[in-house]
């Protein structure tokens, strides 16, 4: 017995549901959702998405279900949803699979009535306007301060310290100077034009700024100030009034309650976090200031290049959908990284994300996975839906790569922006020791990746360079060989091999740290022992790692296969991403096999979505 249905969500519109039916519908909640209208691919994904999908095939002597008829039923629900606004919910339960494999509806509930009152959503902002916010030629700090710890000082010093080349104006009613720069008592006193006004004054005073901004010709406001919708009903009213007044004046607001914005490509670092990630192709939006700080700090530490970052705050005017639309047309954005807690227009979010995802991967971490479902639902279909269930289905349908941890968010963003997309899920593994290879093989199986057997050609190549007791299998155990040319040769053979789609290498990088620590221990324990040899070996390994990274990058450019590495050891100076001047791809090395395998698995999921998109 299965269940199929439809309901109308205020955020997302018509939603189709399919899953295990009868008494198991509520007991096991093995159901999946997709937004209507459904495509053939969406329907196939729904049938494959439930945990009980084996029951659709031949099972314990029962004939397989007629999948084509099931697909027709779901497509029929989709058509009804799109063509009949007066039908609010449909619940077909049970949908029994008869002995001859045909689905038969035994019971059904149809709820009719007036369509739910349409939500009033924030109007879209032109992508060109959003994109221009990352490229100001002049900024004004309204609420500039000379006191350490104040937002008006933190943002100012970060912007100056980051090397912003444009004009910087300071505004404070007290006048005087701050950091050796003149302070203007009012916006109208600024002598030049201003592209972005950075506002840190109290929330109650912001509304009065709108006429001043309009008169001065300032059309963009980065509103750091809090005290708006995030504080409750009174703050929400204040934010509503501000947005209405700003919109009437032709002023666009980032925020309120934003952590700031940065664009490393023009040395514009106007955030509350004094970290400055390098230039890259990953565009980032975070609805949380603390998460934004963490993401920027991790990106800087791991060598992940950033195209641009914005803390979207309360999104009173410019929403996550507006940023997605801007990133879609930005030629310098290759990957999109999101931390979100809510969306203001679910249907538009889905459509924007699906459109962007066809061109650029979107990696997303969602906080606040609530279970505030539709308590007044009349059917199983509506009762089983929750905010998180529908949202997760939206992400799968739109091709969003959804992760559960902030570390995975950085790992996936690094992978998508550094290495080629895999053409399949077959993985060759090269390891400096057997244990790592075993663990990585197990992880590959757990995350849906294949570890194929080596063919005779690969075995023949490796036979010539490794001792006769090598594994002669995938993973290839280099049995601790110290000949630095061996990993280069084996890597090239695996990249040429048409039997794999990606290569994971373990323990090749980071060996110099072992030698360095050995030398330190020798100096402490036996000062009479010469360590010249160890120092030379350490230098040789350092030189090798640079050549190895360059070799991998050249191979990726030649064969268009991703290579993911796991370092033996890392120190504070090591990065996840290693660049070579003038090269498109980069070396990618994680601290653990789990990070490498999960990243590759998620990349494969995205590629499968790309291949099957309509």
Foldseek 3Di string as FASTA:
>chain_A
DKKWKWAQDLFAGIKIKIGRFDPVCVVVVQMAIDGPPDDLLNLVCRLVRGPVSCQQPCDPNAHHAPSVQVSVVRNVNRVCRVPPQQWGMKMQGPQDQDSVRYTDGPDMDIDGHHHPDHDDFFDADDLVLVVCVQPWQEEEEAVADQDPPALNPLLVCLQVVLPQPHHYAYEDLVWDDHPNHTYHPALVPDPDAHAEYEYRDELVCVLVCLVVCLVRVHAEYEAQHDQAVVVDDVRPVSLLSSVVSSVVSNHYYQAHNWQAKHAQVNSGDRGSASARAHAFAEEEEECDNVLQNVLRVQNRQFNPHYRMYIHRYPCSHHFPLNNLVNLQPDPRHAEYEYEEADGRRNNSSLVSLLSSLLRHAYEYEYPNQDFPFDPPDPYSVRVSDGPNSHVVSSCLLSLHLYDHDSVLSNLLSRQSQFFFFFPAQEEAEEEQDDVQQVVLCVLSVVLVGHHDWDDPVLLVQVPVPAPPPWPNTGNTHSPNDPPLCNVLSSVLVVLPDPRGREYEYEALADVLVVLVVVLVVCCVPPVVDDCVVSVVVSVVSVVSVVVSFVSQLVSCVVRVGYYAYEHPDDDSNHHQWADDPPGSHTHGYHPGSNSVSVSSSSSNSSVVCSVPPD
